[in-house]
Each structure stands twice: as C-alpha cells, then as structure tokens.
Protein backbone atom coordinates (compact mmCIF):
# COMPACT_ATOMS: atom_id res chain seq x y z
CA MET A 1 83.94 60.89 47.48
CA ASN A 2 82.07 57.74 46.47
CA GLU A 3 78.66 58.64 45.06
CA ASN A 4 77.12 55.28 46.07
CA HIS A 5 77.82 55.95 49.74
CA LEU A 6 78.35 52.24 50.41
CA PRO A 7 80.05 51.37 53.68
CA SER A 8 83.46 49.80 53.51
CA ALA A 9 83.95 46.21 54.62
CA GLY A 10 85.27 47.37 57.98
CA THR A 11 82.12 49.34 58.83
CA MET A 12 79.45 46.85 57.75
CA ARG A 13 77.27 45.52 60.55
CA SER A 14 74.98 42.55 60.79
CA PRO A 15 71.24 43.26 61.11
CA ALA A 16 71.30 42.10 64.75
CA ALA A 17 73.98 44.68 65.55
CA ALA A 18 72.25 47.55 63.78
CA PRO A 19 72.05 50.70 65.85
CA GLY A 20 68.64 51.54 67.18
CA THR A 21 67.47 47.95 67.57
CA ASP A 22 66.47 46.84 71.02
CA GLU A 23 67.39 43.15 70.83
CA ASP A 24 69.94 43.01 73.63
CA GLY A 25 69.17 40.03 75.81
CA ILE A 26 66.79 38.39 73.35
CA ALA A 27 68.77 35.13 73.39
CA THR A 28 68.62 35.10 77.19
CA ALA A 29 64.86 35.60 77.12
CA GLU A 30 64.43 32.81 74.58
CA PHE A 31 66.62 30.53 76.70
CA ALA A 32 64.54 31.31 79.78
CA ILE A 33 61.30 30.48 77.97
CA VAL A 34 62.68 27.19 76.66
CA ALA A 35 64.06 26.27 80.09
CA LEU A 36 60.71 27.04 81.73
CA ALA A 37 58.89 24.90 79.16
CA ALA A 38 61.36 22.04 79.75
CA VAL A 39 60.82 22.20 83.51
CA GLY A 40 57.06 22.20 83.03
CA PHE A 41 57.26 19.21 80.70
CA ALA A 42 59.53 17.35 83.15
CA GLY A 43 57.04 18.02 85.94
CA LEU A 44 54.22 16.69 83.80
CA LEU A 45 56.19 13.53 83.02
CA VAL A 46 56.99 12.98 86.70
CA GLY A 47 53.31 13.33 87.52
CA ILE A 48 52.26 10.88 84.83
CA LEU A 49 55.00 8.34 85.44
CA SER A 50 54.53 8.32 89.21
CA SER A 51 50.86 7.33 88.97
CA GLY A 52 50.14 3.76 90.03
CA ASP A 53 48.73 2.47 86.75
CA VAL A 54 51.52 3.84 84.60
CA ARG A 55 54.15 2.61 87.07
CA GLU A 56 52.77 -0.93 86.94
CA LEU A 57 52.64 -0.82 83.14
CA LEU A 58 56.26 0.31 82.93
CA MET A 59 57.44 -2.22 85.52
CA GLY A 60 55.68 -4.97 83.57
CA LEU A 61 57.48 -3.90 80.39
CA VAL A 62 60.83 -3.85 82.18
CA ARG A 63 60.23 -7.27 83.76
CA GLN A 64 59.23 -8.72 80.39
CA ALA A 65 62.28 -7.22 78.67
CA LEU A 66 64.65 -8.54 81.34
CA SER A 67 63.13 -12.05 81.36
CA PHE A 68 64.48 -12.92 77.89
C-alpha cells in the first residue's frame, strides 16, 4: 500500500465538491441577490428618469443631438 495515502487522479475532488460542505445552491442564492439588486437599481432609475426636470433635460439633449 502507498504510504503517502494520496488519492488517485480518479478520486480527487474539487474543494466545492468536498464532502461535508453545505454549499449546494450557493450560486442560485448569489444569482437571486444580484437579480434583486438589479431590479432595485432599475426601479431607482425609472423613478429618477420619470421626474419632470430630468425628463426635460434628457429631451433637450436628444433634441440638440438630432438637430445637427
């Protein structure tokens, strides 16, 4: 028997697949957090861009850009 007790190439596992770790679903949780943050940011942008002052500023920029 091998005295080093090293696993063969066929039995090596990545750290994420190590037995005893409770990381199942971690990518899904991270995706959910990022998606929630993106929705919140989109809502904030809609709120800002739909205000009267910002809308007039943006429309003025568009009109000026299209008048060339």
